[in-house]
Amino acid sequence: MNQNNKKINYFSVGMVIIILAVVFLGQKGYLNAVSGTVSGVASGYRAKGEKWVSDRFFEPLTDTIQERGENVKEGTQAIKKDSENILQKTENYFSGIANSLAGKNSCQVSE
């Protein structure tokens, strides 16, 4: 077990040294030629990843959001229509009360 821990420690120290060397050389400009190649390869993978995410997640989500948005619009229109109807009925009720108090007969019998 003790030897296994030593191997892990040597490996960890080695990785830290490699990372620090890459950072140092990158700051000095020694890796400019390599960075152009790496960024070209990385942009290709990034484009593939963006397409995958778009196909797998955004398109189904967009469809679902559009469906729910249409349902919300229909519900909002129904609520607006109902509130206008309630407002009109309330207005008619109070105008009927006002007319009866003023002595106006709203019920007229036609001959």
PDB file of N, CA and C in Angstrom:
ATOM      1  N   MET A   1       0.815  -1.188   0.000  1.00  0.00           N
ATOM      2  CA  MET A   1       0.000   0.000   0.000  1.00  0.00           C
ATOM      3  C   MET A   1       0.856   1.247   0.000  1.00  0.00           C
ATOM      4  N   ASN A   2       1.961   1.217   0.682  1.00  0.00           N
ATOM      5  CA  ASN A   2       2.852   2.365   0.772  1.00  0.00           C
ATOM      6  C   ASN A   2       3.478   2.673  -0.584  1.00  0.00           C
ATOM      7  N   GLN A   3       3.841   1.642  -1.335  1.00  0.00           N
ATOM      8  CA  GLN A   3       4.413   1.841  -2.667  1.00  0.00           C
ATOM      9  C   GLN A   3       3.381   2.430  -3.614  1.00  0.00           C
ATOM     10  N   ASN A   4       2.162   2.026  -3.485  1.00  0.00           N
ATOM     11  CA  ASN A   4       1.084   2.528  -4.322  1.00  0.00           C
ATOM     12  C   ASN A   4       0.878   4.028  -4.082  1.00  0.00           C
ATOM     13  N   ASN A   5       0.947   4.465  -2.844  1.00  0.00           N
ATOM     14  CA  ASN A   5       0.817   5.885  -2.518  1.00  0.00           C
ATOM     15  C   ASN A   5       1.972   6.683  -3.094  1.00  0.00           C
ATOM     16  N   LYS A   6       3.184   6.095  -3.080  1.00  0.00           N
ATOM     17  CA  LYS A   6       4.344   6.794  -3.649  1.00  0.00           C
ATOM     18  C   LYS A   6       4.169   6.999  -5.143  1.00  0.00           C
ATOM     19  N   LYS A   7       3.627   5.979  -5.842  1.00  0.00           N
ATOM     20  CA  LYS A   7       3.397   6.104  -7.289  1.00  0.00           C
ATOM     21  C   LYS A   7       2.396   7.208  -7.583  1.00  0.00           C
ATOM     22  N   ILE A   8       1.328   7.273  -6.777  1.00  0.00           N
ATOM     23  CA  ILE A   8       0.313   8.316  -6.973  1.00  0.00           C
ATOM     24  C   ILE A   8       0.917   9.682  -6.715  1.00  0.00           C
ATOM     25  N   ASN A   9       1.739   9.798  -5.687  1.00  0.00           N
ATOM     26  CA  ASN A   9       2.378  11.085  -5.390  1.00  0.00           C
ATOM     27  C   ASN A   9       3.320  11.503  -6.512  1.00  0.00           C
ATOM     28  N   TYR A  10       4.152  10.580  -7.026  1.00  0.00           N
ATOM     29  CA  TYR A  10       5.058  10.913  -8.125  1.00  0.00           C
ATOM     30  C   TYR A  10       4.278  11.316  -9.379  1.00  0.00           C
ATOM     31  N   PHE A  11       3.199  10.596  -9.623  1.00  0.00           N
ATOM     32  CA  PHE A  11       2.364  10.922 -10.781  1.00  0.00           C
ATOM     33  C   PHE A  11       1.758  12.313 -10.619  1.00  0.00           C
ATOM     34  N   SER A  12       1.245  12.639  -9.445  1.00  0.00           N
ATOM     35  CA  SER A  12       0.642  13.945  -9.196  1.00  0.00           C
ATOM     36  C   SER A  12       1.663  15.061  -9.342  1.00  0.00           C
ATOM     37  N   VAL A  13       2.849  14.866  -8.800  1.00  0.00           N
ATOM     38  CA  VAL A  13       3.899  15.879  -8.910  1.00  0.00           C
ATOM     39  C   VAL A  13       4.318  16.038 -10.366  1.00  0.00           C
ATOM     40  N   GLY A  14       4.401  14.942 -11.085  1.00  0.00           N
ATOM     41  CA  GLY A  14       4.760  15.008 -12.505  1.00  0.00           C
ATOM     42  C   GLY A  14       3.729  15.776 -13.315  1.00  0.00           C
ATOM     43  N   MET A  15       2.449  15.549 -13.057  1.00  0.00           N
ATOM     44  CA  MET A  15       1.390  16.260 -13.774  1.00  0.00           C
ATOM     45  C   MET A  15       1.431  17.754 -13.480  1.00  0.00           C
ATOM     46  N   VAL A  16       1.679  18.117 -12.221  1.00  0.00           N
ATOM     47  CA  VAL A  16       1.768  19.536 -11.851  1.00  0.00           C
ATOM     48  C   VAL A  16       2.933  20.186 -12.572  1.00  0.00           C
ATOM     49  N   ILE A  17       4.073  19.499 -12.658  1.00  0.00           N
ATOM     50  CA  ILE A  17       5.251  20.040 -13.349  1.00  0.00           C
ATOM     51  C   ILE A  17       4.950  20.221 -14.832  1.00  0.00           C
ATOM     52  N   ILE A  18       4.277  19.268 -15.456  1.00  0.00           N
ATOM     53  CA  ILE A  18       3.933  19.375 -16.879  1.00  0.00           C
ATOM     54  C   ILE A  18       2.990  20.549 -17.104  1.00  0.00           C
ATOM     55  N   ILE A  19       1.995  20.708 -16.253  1.00  0.00           N
ATOM     56  CA  ILE A  19       1.050  21.816 -16.408  1.00  0.00           C
ATOM     57  C   ILE A  19       1.752  23.150 -16.248  1.00  0.00           C
ATOM     58  N   LEU A  20       2.610  23.255 -15.249  1.00  0.00           N
ATOM     59  CA  LEU A  20       3.349  24.507 -15.048  1.00  0.00           C
ATOM     60  C   LEU A  20       4.282  24.800 -16.221  1.00  0.00           C
ATOM     61  N   ALA A  21       4.902  23.779 -16.794  1.00  0.00           N
ATOM     62  CA  ALA A  21       5.787  23.977 -17.946  1.00  0.00           C
ATOM     63  C   ALA A  21       4.990  24.478 -19.145  1.00  0.00           C
ATOM     64  N   VAL A  22       3.818  23.905 -19.389  1.00  0.00           N
ATOM     65  CA  VAL A  22       2.988  24.349 -20.515  1.00  0.00           C
ATOM     66  C   VAL A  22       2.549  25.796 -20.316  1.00  0.00           C
ATOM     67  N   VAL A  23       2.159  26.138 -19.097  1.00  0.00           N
ATOM     68  CA  VAL A  23       1.738  27.515 -18.821  1.00  0.00           C
ATOM     69  C   VAL A  23       2.908  28.473 -19.019  1.00  0.00           C
ATOM     70  N   PHE A  24       4.091  28.118 -18.517  1.00  0.00           N
ATOM     71  CA  PHE A  24       5.255  28.979 -18.647  1.00  0.00           C
ATOM     72  C   PHE A  24       5.648  29.165 -20.108  1.00  0.00           C
ATOM     73  N   LEU A  25       5.689  28.071 -20.862  1.00  0.00           N
ATOM     74  CA  LEU A  25       6.072  28.167 -22.275  1.00  0.00           C
ATOM     75  C   LEU A  25       5.009  28.918 -23.075  1.00  0.00           C
ATOM     76  N   GLY A  26       3.769  28.782 -22.698  1.00  0.00           N
ATOM     77  CA  GLY A  26       2.706  29.512 -23.377  1.00  0.00           C
ATOM     78  C   GLY A  26       2.815  31.001 -23.146  1.00  0.00           C
ATOM     79  N   GLN A  27       3.240  31.406 -21.966  1.00  0.00           N
ATOM     80  CA  GLN A  27       3.400  32.827 -21.670  1.00  0.00           C
ATOM     81  C   GLN A  27       4.599  33.416 -22.393  1.00  0.00           C
ATOM     82  N   LYS A  28       5.633  32.630 -22.619  1.00  0.00           N
ATOM     83  CA  LYS A  28       6.825  33.107 -23.318  1.00  0.00           C
ATOM     84  C   LYS A  28       6.650  33.139 -24.827  1.00  0.00           C
ATOM     85  N   GLY A  29       5.614  32.516 -25.350  1.00  0.00           N
ATOM     86  CA  GLY A  29       5.366  32.554 -26.778  1.00  0.00           C
ATOM     87  C   GLY A  29       5.967  31.400 -27.549  1.00  0.00           C
ATOM     88  N   TYR A  30       6.508  30.398 -26.852  1.00  0.00           N
ATOM     89  CA  TYR A  30       7.108  29.260 -27.534  1.00  0.00           C
ATOM     90  C   TYR A  30       6.056  28.329 -28.152  1.00  0.00           C
ATOM     91  N   LEU A  31       4.849  28.440 -27.724  1.00  0.00           N
ATOM     92  CA  LEU A  31       3.817  27.520 -28.189  1.00  0.00           C
ATOM     93  C   LEU A  31       2.859  28.167 -29.189  1.00  0.00           C
ATOM     94  N   ASN A  32       3.234  29.287 -29.804  1.00  0.00           N
ATOM     95  CA  ASN A  32       2.335  29.965 -30.747  1.00  0.00           C
ATOM     96  C   ASN A  32       2.006  29.096 -31.956  1.00  0.00           C
ATOM     97  N   ALA A  33       2.992  28.375 -32.477  1.00  0.00           N
ATOM     98  CA  ALA A  33       2.755  27.519 -33.641  1.00  0.00           C
ATOM     99  C   ALA A  33       1.791  26.379 -33.286  1.00  0.00           C
ATOM    100  N   VAL A  34       1.952  25.837 -32.113  1.00  0.00           N
ATOM    101  CA  VAL A  34       1.100  24.737 -31.677  1.00  0.00           C
ATOM    102  C   VAL A  34      -0.317  25.236 -31.398  1.00  0.00           C
ATOM    103  N   SER A  35      -0.439  26.462 -30.862  1.00  0.00           N
ATOM    104  CA  SER A  35      -1.764  26.968 -30.496  1.00  0.00           C
ATOM    105  C   SER A  35      -2.646  27.176 -31.720  1.00  0.00           C
ATOM    106  N   GLY A  36      -2.068  27.555 -32.874  1.00  0.00           N
ATOM    107  CA  GLY A  36      -2.858  27.699 -34.093  1.00  0.00           C
ATOM    108  C   GLY A  36      -3.459  26.376 -34.527  1.00  0.00           C
ATOM    109  N   THR A  37      -2.664  25.319 -34.471  1.00  0.00           N
ATOM    110  CA  THR A  37      -3.141  23.991 -34.845  1.00  0.00           C
ATOM    111  C   THR A  37      -4.195  23.500 -33.860  1.00  0.00           C
ATOM    112  N   VAL A  38      -3.934  23.692 -32.584  1.00  0.00           N
ATOM    113  CA  VAL A  38      -4.870  23.230 -31.560  1.00  0.00           C
ATOM    114  C   VAL A  38      -6.192  23.983 -31.658  1.00  0.00           C
ATOM    115  N   SER A  39      -6.139  25.277 -31.893  1.00  0.00           N
ATOM    116  CA  SER A  39      -7.394  26.042 -31.975  1.00  0.00           C
ATOM    117  C   SER A  39      -8.195  25.633 -33.213  1.00  0.00           C
ATOM    118  N   GLY A  40      -7.519  25.276 -34.312  1.00  0.00           N
ATOM    119  CA  GLY A  40      -8.226  24.795 -35.491  1.00  0.00           C
ATOM    120  C   GLY A  40      -8.949  23.484 -35.225  1.00  0.00           C
ATOM    121  N   VAL A  41      -8.271  22.569 -34.567  1.00  0.00           N
ATOM    122  CA  VAL A  41      -8.881  21.283 -34.226  1.00  0.00           C
ATOM    123  C   VAL A  41     -10.002  21.479 -33.211  1.00  0.00           C
ATOM    124  N   ALA A  42      -9.767  22.338 -32.231  1.00  0.00           N
ATOM    125  CA  ALA A  42     -10.771  22.577 -31.193  1.00  0.00           C
ATOM    126  C   ALA A  42     -12.017  23.236 -31.766  1.00  0.00           C
ATOM    127  N   SER A  43     -11.854  24.127 -32.741  1.00  0.00           N
ATOM    128  CA  SER A  43     -13.033  24.774 -33.324  1.00  0.00           C
ATOM    129  C   SER A  43     -13.884  23.766 -34.086  1.00  0.00           C
ATOM    130  N   GLY A  44     -13.249  22.780 -34.699  1.00  0.00           N
ATOM    131  CA  GLY A  44     -14.004  21.730 -35.372  1.00  0.00           C
ATOM    132  C   GLY A  44     -14.835  20.915 -34.392  1.00  0.00           C
ATOM    133  N   TYR A  45     -14.210  20.545 -33.276  1.00  0.00           N
ATOM    134  CA  TYR A  45     -14.937  19.801 -32.252  1.00  0.00           C
ATOM    135  C   TYR A  45     -16.038  20.660 -31.623  1.00  0.00           C
ATOM    136  N   ARG A  46     -15.742  21.954 -31.445  1.00  0.00           N
ATOM    137  CA  ARG A  46     -16.741  22.845 -30.863  1.00  0.00           C
ATOM    138  C   ARG A  46     -17.955  22.951 -31.777  1.00  0.00           C
ATOM    139  N   ALA A  47     -17.727  23.046 -33.089  1.00  0.00           N
ATOM    140  CA  ALA A  47     -18.843  23.135 -34.042  1.00  0.00           C
ATOM    141  C   ALA A  47     -19.686  21.857 -34.000  1.00  0.00           C
ATOM    142  N   LYS A  48     -19.015  20.701 -33.928  1.00  0.00           N
ATOM    143  CA  LYS A  48     -19.750  19.435 -33.826  1.00  0.00           C
ATOM    144  C   LYS A  48     -20.552  19.376 -32.530  1.00  0.00           C
ATOM    145  N   GLY A  49     -19.951  19.836 -31.445  1.00  0.00           N
ATOM    146  CA  GLY A  49     -20.637  19.842 -30.158  1.00  0.00           C
ATOM    147  C   GLY A  49     -21.838  20.772 -30.157  1.00  0.00           C
ATOM    148  N   GLU A  50     -21.689  21.942 -30.766  1.00  0.00           N
ATOM    149  CA  GLU A  50     -22.807  22.883 -30.841  1.00  0.00           C
ATOM    150  C   GLU A  50     -23.957  22.289 -31.654  1.00  0.00           C
ATOM    151  N   LYS A  51     -23.629  21.617 -32.750  1.00  0.00           N
ATOM    152  CA  LYS A  51     -24.668  21.001 -33.577  1.00  0.00           C
ATOM    153  C   LYS A  51     -25.368  19.884 -32.804  1.00  0.00           C
ATOM    154  N   TRP A  52     -24.602  19.081 -32.085  1.00  0.00           N
ATOM    155  CA  TRP A  52     -25.179  17.999 -31.306  1.00  0.00           C
ATOM    156  C   TRP A  52     -26.124  18.538 -30.236  1.00  0.00           C
ATOM    157  N   VAL A  53     -25.674  19.564 -29.503  1.00  0.00           N
ATOM    158  CA  VAL A  53     -26.511  20.152 -28.456  1.00  0.00           C
ATOM    159  C   VAL A  53     -27.766  20.759 -29.067  1.00  0.00           C
ATOM    160  N   SER A  54     -27.603  21.432 -30.202  1.00  0.00           N
ATOM    161  CA  SER A  54     -28.757  22.047 -30.862  1.00  0.00           C
ATOM    162  C   SER A  54     -29.763  20.993 -31.303  1.00  0.00           C
ATOM    163  N   ASP A  55     -29.277  19.917 -31.899  1.00  0.00           N
ATOM    164  CA  ASP A  55     -30.171  18.870 -32.384  1.00  0.00           C
ATOM    165  C   ASP A  55     -30.846  18.116 -31.242  1.00  0.00           C
ATOM    166  N   ARG A  56     -30.102  17.820 -30.197  1.00  0.00           N
ATOM    167  CA  ARG A  56     -30.611  16.981 -29.114  1.00  0.00           C
ATOM    168  C   ARG A  56     -31.472  17.735 -28.106  1.00  0.00           C
ATOM    169  N   PHE A  57     -31.134  19.003 -27.849  1.00  0.00           N
ATOM    170  CA  PHE A  57     -31.796  19.700 -26.756  1.00  0.00           C
ATOM    171  C   PHE A  57     -32.634  20.892 -27.213  1.00  0.00           C
ATOM    172  N   PHE A  58     -32.049  21.780 -28.018  1.00  0.00           N
ATOM    173  CA  PHE A  58     -32.725  23.035 -28.311  1.00  0.00           C
ATOM    174  C   PHE A  58     -33.928  22.873 -29.226  1.00  0.00           C
ATOM    175  N   GLU A  59     -33.857  22.026 -30.234  1.00  0.00           N
ATOM    176  CA  GLU A  59     -34.999  21.854 -31.128  1.00  0.00           C
ATOM    177  C   GLU A  59     -36.203  21.249 -30.411  1.00  0.00           C
ATOM    178  N   PRO A  60     -36.045  20.169 -29.627  1.00  0.00           N
ATOM    179  CA  PRO A  60     -37.216  19.674 -28.892  1.00  0.00           C
ATOM    180  C   PRO A  60     -37.749  20.688 -27.878  1.00  0.00           C
ATOM    181  N   LEU A  61     -36.846  21.410 -27.221  1.00  0.00           N
ATOM    182  CA  LEU A  61     -37.287  22.419 -26.271  1.00  0.00           C
ATOM    183  C   LEU A  61     -38.030  23.547 -26.966  1.00  0.00           C
ATOM    184  N   THR A  62     -37.535  23.953 -28.125  1.00  0.00           N
ATOM    185  CA  THR A  62     -38.185  25.028 -28.866  1.00  0.00           C
ATOM    186  C   THR A  62     -39.593  24.623 -29.273  1.00  0.00           C
ATOM    187  N   ASP A  63     -39.751  23.391 -29.746  1.00  0.00           N
ATOM    188  CA  ASP A  63     -41.088  22.911 -30.121  1.00  0.00           C
ATOM    189  C   ASP A  63     -42.026  22.909 -28.920  1.00  0.00           C
ATOM    190  N   THR A  64     -41.545  22.425 -27.794  1.00  0.00           N
ATOM    191  CA  THR A  64     -42.365  22.372 -26.583  1.00  0.00           C
ATOM    192  C   THR A  64     -42.729  23.777 -26.122  1.00  0.00           C
ATOM    193  N   ILE A  65     -41.776  24.672 -26.159  1.00  0.00           N
ATOM    194  CA  ILE A  65     -42.031  26.052 -25.727  1.00  0.00           C
ATOM    195  C   ILE A  65     -43.041  26.722 -26.642  1.00  0.00           C
ATOM    196  N   GLN A  66     -42.950  26.486 -27.932  1.00  0.00           N
ATOM    197  CA  GLN A  66     -43.913  27.081 -28.859  1.00  0.00           C
ATOM    198  C   GLN A  66     -45.315  26.542 -28.603  1.00  0.00           C
ATOM    199  N   GLU A  67     -45.437  25.237 -28.355  1.00  0.00           N
ATOM    200  CA  GLU A  67     -46.746  24.658 -28.068  1.00  0.00           C
ATOM    201  C   GLU A  67     -47.334  25.250 -26.794  1.00  0.00           C
ATOM    202  N   ARG A  68     -46.511  25.347 -25.772  1.00  0.00           N
ATOM    203  CA  ARG A  68     -46.999  25.892 -24.504  1.00  0.00           C
ATOM    204  C   ARG A  68     -47.289  27.380 -24.632  1.00  0.00           C
ATOM    205  N   GLY A  69     -46.512  28.078 -25.447  1.00  0.00           N
ATOM    206  CA  GLY A  69     -46.757  29.497 -25.666  1.00  0.00           C
ATOM    207  C   GLY A  69     -48.100  29.724 -26.331  1.00  0.00           C
ATOM    208  N   GLU A  70     -48.450  28.871 -27.291  1.00  0.00           N
ATOM    209  CA  GLU A  70     -49.749  28.983 -27.951  1.00  0.00           C
ATOM    210  C   GLU A  70     -50.870  28.714 -26.946  1.00  0.00           C
ATOM    211  N   ASN A  71     -50.682  27.732 -26.074  1.00  0.00           N
ATOM    212  CA  ASN A  71     -51.686  27.444 -25.051  1.00  0.00           C
ATOM    213  C   ASN A  71     -51.844  28.624 -24.099  1.00  0.00           C
ATOM    214  N   VAL A  72     -50.739  29.261 -23.763  1.00  0.00           N
ATOM    215  CA  VAL A  72     -50.790  30.411 -22.865  1.00  0.00           C
ATOM    216  C   VAL A  72     -51.515  31.569 -23.542  1.00  0.00           C
ATOM    217  N   LYS A  73     -51.249  31.779 -24.840  1.00  0.00           N
ATOM    218  CA  LYS A  73     -51.939  32.843 -25.566  1.00  0.00           C
ATOM    219  C   LYS A  73     -53.443  32.601 -25.587  1.00  0.00           C
ATOM    220  N   GLU A  74     -53.843  31.369 -25.861  1.00  0.00           N
ATOM    221  CA  GLU A  74     -55.264  31.035 -25.877  1.00  0.00           C
ATOM    222  C   GLU A  74     -55.877  31.250 -24.498  1.00  0.00           C
ATOM    223  N   GLY A  75     -55.186  30.835 -23.461  1.00  0.00           N
ATOM    224  CA  GLY A  75     -55.681  31.022 -22.098  1.00  0.00           C
ATOM    225  C   GLY A  75     -55.782  32.488 -21.729  1.00  0.00           C
ATOM    226  N   THR A  76     -54.791  33.273 -22.143  1.00  0.00           N
ATOM    227  CA  THR A  76     -54.803  34.704 -21.862  1.00  0.00           C
ATOM    228  C   THR A  76     -55.962  35.384 -22.575  1.00  0.00           C
ATOM    229  N   GLN A  77     -56.210  34.997 -23.814  1.00  0.00           N
ATOM    230  CA  GLN A  77     -57.332  35.578 -24.555  1.00  0.00           C
ATOM    231  C   GLN A  77     -58.661  35.200 -23.903  1.00  0.00           C
ATOM    232  N   ALA A  78     -58.775  33.961 -23.440  1.00  0.00           N
ATOM    233  CA  ALA A  78     -60.008  33.533 -22.777  1.00  0.00           C
ATOM    234  C   ALA A  78     -60.216  34.311 -21.481  1.00  0.00           C
ATOM    235  N   ILE A  79     -59.154  34.523 -20.719  1.00  0.00           N
ATOM    236  CA  ILE A  79     -59.254  35.279 -19.469  1.00  0.00           C
ATOM    237  C   ILE A  79     -59.646  36.719 -19.761  1.00  0.00           C
ATOM    238  N   LYS A  80     -59.064  37.306 -20.803  1.00  0.00           N
ATOM    239  CA  LYS A  80     -59.396  38.682 -21.166  1.00  0.00           C
ATOM    240  C   LYS A  80     -60.866  38.786 -21.561  1.00  0.00           C
ATOM    241  N   LYS A  81     -61.351  37.824 -22.353  1.00  0.00           N
ATOM    242  CA  LYS A  81     -62.743  37.826 -22.789  1.00  0.00           C
ATOM    243  C   LYS A  81     -63.683  37.665 -21.596  1.00  0.00           C
ATOM    244  N   ASP A  82     -63.321  36.759 -20.679  1.00  0.00           N
ATOM    245  CA  ASP A  82     -64.151  36.551 -19.494  1.00  0.00           C
ATOM    246  C   ASP A  82     -64.184  37.793 -18.620  1.00  0.00           C
ATOM    247  N   SER A  83     -63.047  38.455 -18.439  1.00  0.00           N
ATOM    248  CA  SER A  83     -63.021  39.648 -17.594  1.00  0.00           C
ATOM    249  C   SER A  83     -63.827  40.777 -18.226  1.00  0.00           C
ATOM    250  N   GLU A  84     -63.761  40.902 -19.557  1.00  0.00           N
ATOM    251  CA  GLU A  84     -64.579  41.911 -20.229  1.00  0.00           C
ATOM    252  C   GLU A  84     -66.064  41.590 -20.065  1.00  0.00           C
ATOM    253  N   ASN A  85     -66.422  40.318 -20.152  1.00  0.00           N
ATOM    254  CA  ASN A  85     -67.805  39.893 -19.989  1.00  0.00           C
ATOM    255  C   ASN A  85     -68.289  40.187 -18.565  1.00  0.00           C
ATOM    256  N   ILE A  86     -67.467  39.885 -17.567  1.00  0.00           N
ATOM    257  CA  ILE A  86     -67.832  40.157 -16.177  1.00  0.00           C
ATOM    258  C   ILE A  86     -67.980  41.656 -15.956  1.00  0.00           C
ATOM    259  N   LEU A  87     -67.074  42.439 -16.531  1.00  0.00           N
ATOM    260  CA  LEU A  87     -67.152  43.889 -16.395  1.00  0.00           C
ATOM    261  C   LEU A  87     -68.450  44.420 -17.010  1.00  0.00           C
ATOM    262  N   GLN A  88     -68.810  43.916 -18.171  1.00  0.00           N
ATOM    263  CA  GLN A  88     -70.034  44.350 -18.844  1.00  0.00           C
ATOM    264  C   GLN A  88     -71.268  43.975 -18.024  1.00  0.00           C
ATOM    265  N   LYS A  89     -71.301  42.760 -17.465  1.00  0.00           N
ATOM    266  CA  LYS A  89     -72.434  42.339 -16.650  1.00  0.00           C
ATOM    267  C   LYS A  89     -72.538  43.177 -15.381  1.00  0.00           C
ATOM    268  N   THR A  90     -71.396  43.486 -14.777  1.00  0.00           N
ATOM    269  CA  THR A  90     -71.403  44.322 -13.576  1.00  0.00           C
ATOM    270  C   THR A  90     -71.909  45.718 -13.900  1.00  0.00           C
ATOM    271  N   GLU A  91     -71.473  46.249 -15.037  1.00  0.00           N
ATOM    272  CA  GLU A  91     -71.928  47.572 -15.467  1.00  0.00           C
ATOM    273  C   GLU A  91     -73.438  47.563 -15.708  1.00  0.00           C
ATOM    274  N   ASN A  92     -73.929  46.543 -16.363  1.00  0.00           N
ATOM    275  CA  ASN A  92     -75.372  46.437 -16.610  1.00  0.00           C
ATOM    276  C   ASN A  92     -76.145  46.320 -15.304  1.00  0.00           C
ATOM    277  N   TYR A  93     -75.629  45.578 -14.349  1.00  0.00           N
ATOM    278  CA  TYR A  93     -76.300  45.400 -13.063  1.00  0.00           C
ATOM    279  C   TYR A  93     -76.428  46.734 -12.336  1.00  0.00           C
ATOM    280  N   PHE A  94     -75.282  47.450 -12.224  1.00  0.00           N
ATOM    281  CA  PHE A  94     -75.331  48.719 -11.505  1.00  0.00           C
ATOM    282  C   PHE A  94     -76.127  49.781 -12.251  1.00  0.00           C
ATOM    283  N   SER A  95     -76.105  49.779 -13.572  1.00  0.00           N
ATOM    284  CA  SER A  95     -76.928  50.745 -14.311  1.00  0.00           C
ATOM    285  C   SER A  95     -78.405  50.411 -14.139  1.00  0.00           C
ATOM    286  N   GLY A  96     -78.750  49.135 -14.023  1.00  0.00           N
ATOM    287  CA  GLY A  96     -80.134  48.739 -13.750  1.00  0.00           C
ATOM    288  C   GLY A  96     -80.589  49.209 -12.386  1.00  0.00           C
ATOM    289  N   ILE A  97     -79.706  49.095 -11.392  1.00  0.00           N
ATOM    290  CA  ILE A  97     -80.038  49.575 -10.042  1.00  0.00           C
ATOM    291  C   ILE A  97     -80.212  51.085 -10.064  1.00  0.00           C
ATOM    292  N   ALA A  98     -79.309  51.800 -10.750  1.00  0.00           N
ATOM    293  CA  ALA A  98     -79.398  53.257 -10.823  1.00  0.00           C
ATOM    294  C   ALA A  98     -80.679  53.686 -11.526  1.00  0.00           C
ATOM    295  N   ASN A  99     -81.047  52.987 -12.590  1.00  0.00           N
ATOM    296  CA  ASN A  99     -82.284  53.319 -13.306  1.00  0.00           C
ATOM    297  C   ASN A  99     -83.520  53.073 -12.439  1.00  0.00           C
ATOM    298  N   SER A 100     -83.531  52.007 -11.672  1.00  0.00           N
ATOM    299  CA  SER A 100     -84.688  51.726 -10.821  1.00  0.00           C
ATOM    300  C   SER A 100     -84.792  52.742  -9.686  1.00  0.00           C
ATOM    301  N   LEU A 101     -83.647  53.205  -9.176  1.00  0.00           N
ATOM    302  CA  LEU A 101     -83.671  54.222  -8.130  1.00  0.00           C
ATOM    303  C   LEU A 101     -84.104  55.575  -8.679  1.00  0.00           C
ATOM    304  N   ALA A 102     -83.741  55.852  -9.924  1.00  0.00           N
ATOM    305  CA  ALA A 102     -84.105  57.127 -10.542  1.00  0.00           C
ATOM    306  C   ALA A 102     -85.548  57.117 -11.015  1.00  0.00           C
ATOM    307  N   GLY A 103     -86.188  55.977 -10.986  1.00  0.00           N
ATOM    308  CA  GLY A 103     -87.582  55.895 -11.370  1.00  0.00           C
ATOM    309  C   GLY A 103     -87.784  55.598 -12.834  1.00  0.00           C
ATOM    310  N   LYS A 104     -86.712  55.295 -13.535  1.00  0.00           N
ATOM    311  CA  LYS A 104     -86.850  54.945 -14.944  1.00  0.00           C
ATOM    312  C   LYS A 104     -87.224  53.479 -15.029  1.00  0.00           C
ATOM    313  N   ASN A 105     -88.240  53.210 -15.827  1.00  0.00           N
ATOM    314  CA  ASN A 105     -88.668  51.831 -15.995  1.00  0.00           C
ATOM    315  C   ASN A 105     -87.915  51.247 -17.171  1.00  0.00           C
ATOM    316  N   SER A 106     -87.025  50.286 -16.897  1.00  0.00           N
ATOM    317  CA  SER A 106     -86.256  49.718 -17.994  1.00  0.00           C
ATOM    318  C   SER A 106     -87.064  48.667 -18.744  1.00  0.00           C
ATOM    319  N   CYS A 107     -88.124  48.177 -18.131  1.00  0.00           N
ATOM    320  CA  CYS A 107     -88.961  47.189 -18.790  1.00  0.00           C
ATOM    321  C   CYS A 107     -90.141  47.905 -19.416  1.00  0.00           C
ATOM    322  N   GLN A 108     -90.136  47.964 -20.690  1.00  0.00           N
ATOM    323  CA  GLN A 108     -91.251  48.615 -21.394  1.00  0.00           C
ATOM    324  C   GLN A 108     -92.004  47.547 -22.178  1.00  0.00           C
ATOM    325  N   VAL A 109     -93.302  47.656 -22.107  1.00  0.00           N
ATOM    326  CA  VAL A 109     -94.139  46.703 -22.821  1.00  0.00           C
ATOM    327  C   VAL A 109     -94.494  47.317 -24.157  1.00  0.00           C
ATOM    328  N   SER A 110     -94.216  46.618 -25.181  1.00  0.00           N
ATOM    329  CA  SER A 110     -94.557  47.141 -26.513  1.00  0.00           C
ATOM    330  C   SER A 110     -95.937  46.653 -26.884  1.00  0.00           C
ATOM    331  N   GLU A 111     -96.633  47.458 -27.631  1.00  0.00           N
ATOM    332  CA  GLU A 111     -98.010  47.114 -28.018  1.00  0.00           C
ATOM    333  C   GLU A 111     -98.059  46.383 -29.315  1.00  0.00           C
TER     334      GLU A 111
END
